[in-house]
Amino acid sequence: MKLINFKHREDFGHDWYVQVLNIKNWSLLQVSVSWNDYPGWPYIQIKSGTGSTFSLLFWAYKFGLDIDILSRTWKWDYNDENDEGFQVDTSLDDVWPDGKPEE
């Protein structure tokens, strides 16, 4: 267990992530700062519950700031794991164990 984790990602802009004191699936503090390639309308979102004690999300033009206090740990590699090599299974083996029905 590391006291502080840091990560930088580049995907339609730059994202810098910091996590402080991770215990299992929970983090004491998580902060993300983003600079996006595409501008957006400004907004602010404040929430509590659904996996976090307190969460603040702020966005203005190309700048983004996300702060979570005592929340579920962000999984940084989720998109990498699920985007690469993803294929839809179109077989009907689980529906018809003996193969497709006769037509």
N, C-alpha and C. Protein backbone atom coordinates (compact mmCIF):
# COMPACT_ATOMS: atom_id res chain seq x y z
N MET A 1 0.85 -1.18 0.00
CA MET A 1 0.00 0.00 0.00
C MET A 1 0.89 1.24 0.00
N LYS A 2 0.66 2.12 -0.98
CA LYS A 2 1.38 3.38 -1.05
C LYS A 2 0.53 4.47 -0.41
N LEU A 3 1.20 5.42 0.21
CA LEU A 3 0.49 6.52 0.83
C LEU A 3 -0.14 7.43 -0.22
N ILE A 4 0.61 7.72 -1.30
CA ILE A 4 0.12 8.61 -2.36
C ILE A 4 0.36 7.95 -3.72
N ASN A 5 -0.67 7.91 -4.55
CA ASN A 5 -0.57 7.42 -5.93
C ASN A 5 -0.78 8.59 -6.88
N PHE A 6 0.01 8.63 -7.95
CA PHE A 6 -0.10 9.69 -8.94
C PHE A 6 -0.17 9.06 -10.32
N LYS A 7 -0.99 9.63 -11.21
CA LYS A 7 -1.11 9.10 -12.57
C LYS A 7 -1.41 10.25 -13.52
N HIS A 8 -0.85 10.18 -14.71
CA HIS A 8 -1.15 11.13 -15.78
C HIS A 8 -1.67 10.34 -16.97
N ARG A 9 -2.76 10.81 -17.55
CA ARG A 9 -3.33 10.17 -18.74
C ARG A 9 -3.53 11.22 -19.81
N GLU A 10 -3.48 10.76 -21.05
CA GLU A 10 -3.70 11.67 -22.17
C GLU A 10 -4.75 11.05 -23.08
N ASP A 11 -5.92 11.68 -23.12
CA ASP A 11 -7.03 11.20 -23.93
C ASP A 11 -7.94 12.40 -24.20
N PHE A 12 -7.85 13.00 -25.35
CA PHE A 12 -8.57 14.24 -25.68
C PHE A 12 -8.22 15.34 -24.68
N GLY A 13 -6.97 15.37 -24.26
CA GLY A 13 -6.49 16.35 -23.28
C GLY A 13 -5.61 15.65 -22.26
N HIS A 14 -5.27 16.36 -21.21
CA HIS A 14 -4.41 15.81 -20.16
C HIS A 14 -5.19 15.71 -18.86
N ASP A 15 -4.99 14.61 -18.16
CA ASP A 15 -5.61 14.39 -16.84
C ASP A 15 -4.51 14.00 -15.87
N TRP A 16 -4.48 14.67 -14.71
CA TRP A 16 -3.56 14.33 -13.64
C TRP A 16 -4.38 13.89 -12.44
N TYR A 17 -4.07 12.71 -11.91
CA TYR A 17 -4.82 12.13 -10.80
C TYR A 17 -3.90 11.95 -9.59
N VAL A 18 -4.43 12.21 -8.41
CA VAL A 18 -3.71 11.96 -7.16
C VAL A 18 -4.67 11.28 -6.20
N GLN A 19 -4.20 10.20 -5.57
CA GLN A 19 -4.97 9.50 -4.55
C GLN A 19 -4.14 9.44 -3.28
N VAL A 20 -4.77 9.72 -2.15
CA VAL A 20 -4.08 9.71 -0.87
C VAL A 20 -4.73 8.67 0.05
N LEU A 21 -3.92 7.81 0.60
CA LEU A 21 -4.31 6.80 1.58
C LEU A 21 -5.43 5.89 1.06
N ASN A 22 -5.03 4.93 0.23
CA ASN A 22 -5.96 3.92 -0.30
C ASN A 22 -5.99 2.71 0.62
N ILE A 23 -7.19 2.32 1.03
CA ILE A 23 -7.38 1.12 1.83
C ILE A 23 -8.46 0.29 1.15
N LYS A 24 -8.05 -0.88 0.62
CA LYS A 24 -8.93 -1.75 -0.16
C LYS A 24 -9.56 -0.95 -1.29
N ASN A 25 -10.88 -0.78 -1.32
CA ASN A 25 -11.55 -0.06 -2.41
C ASN A 25 -11.91 1.37 -2.04
N TRP A 26 -11.31 1.91 -0.98
CA TRP A 26 -11.64 3.26 -0.52
C TRP A 26 -10.41 4.14 -0.47
N SER A 27 -10.60 5.44 -0.71
CA SER A 27 -9.53 6.42 -0.64
C SER A 27 -9.96 7.58 0.24
N LEU A 28 -9.01 8.09 1.01
CA LEU A 28 -9.30 9.23 1.86
C LEU A 28 -9.51 10.48 1.02
N LEU A 29 -8.64 10.70 0.03
CA LEU A 29 -8.73 11.89 -0.82
C LEU A 29 -8.33 11.52 -2.24
N GLN A 30 -9.10 11.97 -3.21
CA GLN A 30 -8.79 11.79 -4.62
C GLN A 30 -9.00 13.13 -5.32
N VAL A 31 -8.02 13.52 -6.12
CA VAL A 31 -8.11 14.80 -6.84
C VAL A 31 -7.71 14.56 -8.29
N SER A 32 -8.45 15.17 -9.18
CA SER A 32 -8.16 15.10 -10.61
C SER A 32 -8.18 16.51 -11.18
N VAL A 33 -7.16 16.83 -11.94
CA VAL A 33 -7.10 18.11 -12.64
C VAL A 33 -7.00 17.79 -14.13
N SER A 34 -7.83 18.43 -14.94
CA SER A 34 -7.89 18.12 -16.38
C SER A 34 -7.76 19.37 -17.22
N TRP A 35 -7.11 19.22 -18.36
CA TRP A 35 -7.09 20.25 -19.40
C TRP A 35 -7.49 19.56 -20.69
N ASN A 36 -8.71 19.85 -21.16
CA ASN A 36 -9.30 19.15 -22.28
C ASN A 36 -8.96 19.84 -23.59
N ASP A 37 -8.95 19.09 -24.68
CA ASP A 37 -8.73 19.67 -26.01
C ASP A 37 -9.95 20.43 -26.51
N TYR A 38 -11.12 20.11 -25.98
CA TYR A 38 -12.36 20.71 -26.45
C TYR A 38 -13.03 21.50 -25.33
N PRO A 39 -13.43 22.74 -25.61
CA PRO A 39 -14.09 23.55 -24.57
C PRO A 39 -15.51 23.08 -24.30
N GLY A 40 -15.98 23.38 -23.10
CA GLY A 40 -17.34 23.02 -22.72
C GLY A 40 -17.96 24.12 -21.88
N TRP A 41 -19.25 24.00 -21.66
CA TRP A 41 -19.96 24.96 -20.83
C TRP A 41 -19.56 24.79 -19.37
N PRO A 42 -19.48 25.88 -18.63
CA PRO A 42 -19.10 25.76 -17.22
C PRO A 42 -20.22 25.14 -16.38
N TYR A 43 -19.81 24.33 -15.42
CA TYR A 43 -20.79 23.77 -14.47
C TYR A 43 -20.07 23.35 -13.20
N ILE A 44 -20.87 23.17 -12.16
CA ILE A 44 -20.36 22.69 -10.88
C ILE A 44 -21.34 21.64 -10.36
N GLN A 45 -20.81 20.58 -9.79
CA GLN A 45 -21.64 19.51 -9.24
C GLN A 45 -21.11 19.17 -7.86
N ILE A 46 -21.99 19.19 -6.88
CA ILE A 46 -21.64 18.83 -5.51
C ILE A 46 -22.56 17.69 -5.10
N LYS A 47 -21.97 16.61 -4.59
CA LYS A 47 -22.81 15.48 -4.20
C LYS A 47 -22.25 14.78 -2.98
N SER A 48 -23.12 14.01 -2.36
CA SER A 48 -22.75 13.18 -1.24
C SER A 48 -23.56 11.90 -1.34
N GLY A 49 -22.90 10.77 -1.09
CA GLY A 49 -23.58 9.49 -1.23
C GLY A 49 -23.20 8.81 -2.53
N THR A 50 -23.73 7.64 -2.78
CA THR A 50 -23.44 6.83 -3.96
C THR A 50 -21.94 6.63 -4.13
N GLY A 51 -21.28 6.12 -3.11
CA GLY A 51 -19.87 5.80 -3.21
C GLY A 51 -18.92 6.87 -2.73
N SER A 52 -19.41 8.00 -2.26
CA SER A 52 -18.51 9.04 -1.75
C SER A 52 -19.18 9.83 -0.63
N THR A 53 -18.35 10.27 0.32
CA THR A 53 -18.87 11.10 1.40
C THR A 53 -19.10 12.52 0.91
N PHE A 54 -18.13 13.03 0.13
CA PHE A 54 -18.27 14.37 -0.45
C PHE A 54 -17.54 14.39 -1.78
N SER A 55 -18.19 14.94 -2.80
CA SER A 55 -17.59 15.02 -4.12
C SER A 55 -17.90 16.39 -4.73
N LEU A 56 -16.87 17.01 -5.31
CA LEU A 56 -17.01 18.30 -5.97
C LEU A 56 -16.44 18.18 -7.37
N LEU A 57 -17.22 18.54 -8.37
CA LEU A 57 -16.79 18.51 -9.76
C LEU A 57 -17.02 19.89 -10.34
N PHE A 58 -15.96 20.49 -10.88
CA PHE A 58 -16.03 21.83 -11.46
C PHE A 58 -15.44 21.78 -12.85
N TRP A 59 -16.12 22.42 -13.80
CA TRP A 59 -15.64 22.47 -15.18
C TRP A 59 -15.89 23.86 -15.74
N ALA A 60 -14.88 24.44 -16.39
CA ALA A 60 -15.02 25.74 -17.04
C ALA A 60 -14.11 25.78 -18.26
N TYR A 61 -14.71 26.00 -19.42
CA TYR A 61 -14.02 26.04 -20.69
C TYR A 61 -13.27 24.73 -20.93
N LYS A 62 -11.96 24.68 -20.77
CA LYS A 62 -11.19 23.45 -20.96
C LYS A 62 -10.63 22.90 -19.65
N PHE A 63 -10.85 23.59 -18.56
CA PHE A 63 -10.29 23.21 -17.27
C PHE A 63 -11.29 22.42 -16.44
N GLY A 64 -10.85 21.34 -15.82
CA GLY A 64 -11.71 20.54 -14.96
C GLY A 64 -11.02 20.22 -13.65
N LEU A 65 -11.79 20.18 -12.57
CA LEU A 65 -11.29 19.85 -11.25
C LEU A 65 -12.30 18.93 -10.57
N ASP A 66 -11.81 17.82 -10.04
CA ASP A 66 -12.67 16.84 -9.37
C ASP A 66 -12.02 16.49 -8.04
N ILE A 67 -12.75 16.66 -6.93
CA ILE A 67 -12.24 16.35 -5.60
C ILE A 67 -13.23 15.42 -4.91
N ASP A 68 -12.72 14.29 -4.43
CA ASP A 68 -13.53 13.33 -3.69
C ASP A 68 -12.90 13.10 -2.32
N ILE A 69 -13.71 13.16 -1.28
CA ILE A 69 -13.24 12.89 0.07
C ILE A 69 -13.94 11.64 0.58
N LEU A 70 -13.15 10.69 1.07
CA LEU A 70 -13.62 9.41 1.56
C LEU A 70 -14.60 8.77 0.57
N SER A 71 -14.04 8.26 -0.52
CA SER A 71 -14.88 7.72 -1.59
C SER A 71 -14.28 6.42 -2.12
N ARG A 72 -15.05 5.74 -2.95
CA ARG A 72 -14.55 4.53 -3.61
C ARG A 72 -13.38 4.93 -4.51
N THR A 73 -12.37 4.06 -4.53
CA THR A 73 -11.16 4.35 -5.29
C THR A 73 -11.45 4.32 -6.79
N TRP A 74 -10.98 5.36 -7.49
CA TRP A 74 -11.10 5.40 -8.95
C TRP A 74 -10.21 4.32 -9.53
N LYS A 75 -10.72 3.61 -10.52
CA LYS A 75 -9.93 2.59 -11.20
C LYS A 75 -9.43 3.19 -12.50
N TRP A 76 -8.18 3.63 -12.51
CA TRP A 76 -7.62 4.35 -13.64
C TRP A 76 -7.53 3.52 -14.90
N ASP A 77 -7.30 2.23 -14.79
CA ASP A 77 -7.09 1.40 -15.96
C ASP A 77 -8.36 0.74 -16.48
N TYR A 78 -9.52 1.15 -15.99
CA TYR A 78 -10.78 0.52 -16.39
C TYR A 78 -10.98 0.63 -17.91
N ASN A 79 -10.79 1.81 -18.49
CA ASN A 79 -10.99 1.97 -19.93
C ASN A 79 -9.98 1.18 -20.73
N ASP A 80 -8.73 1.13 -20.25
CA ASP A 80 -7.71 0.36 -20.97
C ASP A 80 -8.05 -1.12 -20.99
N GLU A 81 -8.52 -1.63 -19.87
CA GLU A 81 -8.86 -3.05 -19.77
C GLU A 81 -10.07 -3.40 -20.62
N ASN A 82 -11.04 -2.50 -20.73
CA ASN A 82 -12.30 -2.82 -21.40
C ASN A 82 -12.35 -2.37 -22.86
N ASP A 83 -11.49 -1.48 -23.29
CA ASP A 83 -11.53 -1.01 -24.67
C ASP A 83 -10.73 -1.90 -25.62
N GLU A 84 -9.57 -2.34 -25.18
CA GLU A 84 -8.70 -3.11 -26.05
C GLU A 84 -9.15 -4.55 -26.14
N GLY A 85 -9.32 -5.01 -27.34
CA GLY A 85 -9.68 -6.41 -27.54
C GLY A 85 -11.11 -6.76 -27.17
N PHE A 86 -11.95 -5.77 -27.00
CA PHE A 86 -13.33 -6.04 -26.64
C PHE A 86 -14.08 -6.53 -27.86
N GLN A 87 -14.73 -7.69 -27.72
CA GLN A 87 -15.53 -8.25 -28.80
C GLN A 87 -16.85 -8.73 -28.23
N VAL A 88 -17.89 -8.54 -28.98
CA VAL A 88 -19.21 -8.99 -28.55
C VAL A 88 -19.37 -10.46 -28.94
N ASP A 89 -19.78 -11.27 -27.98
CA ASP A 89 -20.02 -12.69 -28.24
C ASP A 89 -21.41 -12.84 -28.83
N THR A 90 -21.46 -13.20 -30.10
CA THR A 90 -22.75 -13.32 -30.77
C THR A 90 -23.26 -14.75 -30.83
N SER A 91 -22.54 -15.66 -30.19
CA SER A 91 -22.98 -17.06 -30.23
C SER A 91 -24.23 -17.24 -29.37
N LEU A 92 -25.01 -18.23 -29.70
CA LEU A 92 -26.23 -18.52 -28.96
C LEU A 92 -26.07 -19.77 -28.11
N ASP A 93 -24.83 -20.13 -27.81
CA ASP A 93 -24.58 -21.36 -27.05
C ASP A 93 -25.21 -21.33 -25.68
N ASP A 94 -25.26 -20.17 -25.03
CA ASP A 94 -25.84 -20.12 -23.69
C ASP A 94 -27.37 -20.15 -23.75
N VAL A 95 -27.96 -19.77 -24.90
CA VAL A 95 -29.42 -19.80 -25.04
C VAL A 95 -29.88 -21.19 -25.47
N TRP A 96 -29.19 -21.75 -26.48
CA TRP A 96 -29.50 -23.08 -26.97
C TRP A 96 -28.24 -23.93 -26.83
N PRO A 97 -28.12 -24.70 -25.75
CA PRO A 97 -26.87 -25.46 -25.52
C PRO A 97 -26.56 -26.45 -26.63
N ASP A 98 -27.55 -26.94 -27.33
CA ASP A 98 -27.32 -27.92 -28.40
C ASP A 98 -27.15 -27.26 -29.77
N GLY A 99 -26.98 -25.96 -29.81
CA GLY A 99 -26.87 -25.26 -31.07
C GLY A 99 -28.12 -24.48 -31.40
N LYS A 100 -28.12 -23.86 -32.55
CA LYS A 100 -29.27 -23.05 -32.97
C LYS A 100 -30.46 -23.95 -33.29
N PRO A 101 -31.66 -23.46 -33.04
CA PRO A 101 -32.84 -24.26 -33.36
C PRO A 101 -33.01 -24.41 -34.88
N GLU A 102 -33.66 -25.48 -35.27
CA GLU A 102 -33.91 -25.68 -36.70
C GLU A 102 -34.97 -24.70 -37.17
N GLU A 103 -34.79 -24.27 -38.40
CA GLU A 103 -35.75 -23.29 -38.95
C GLU A 103 -36.74 -23.95 -39.85
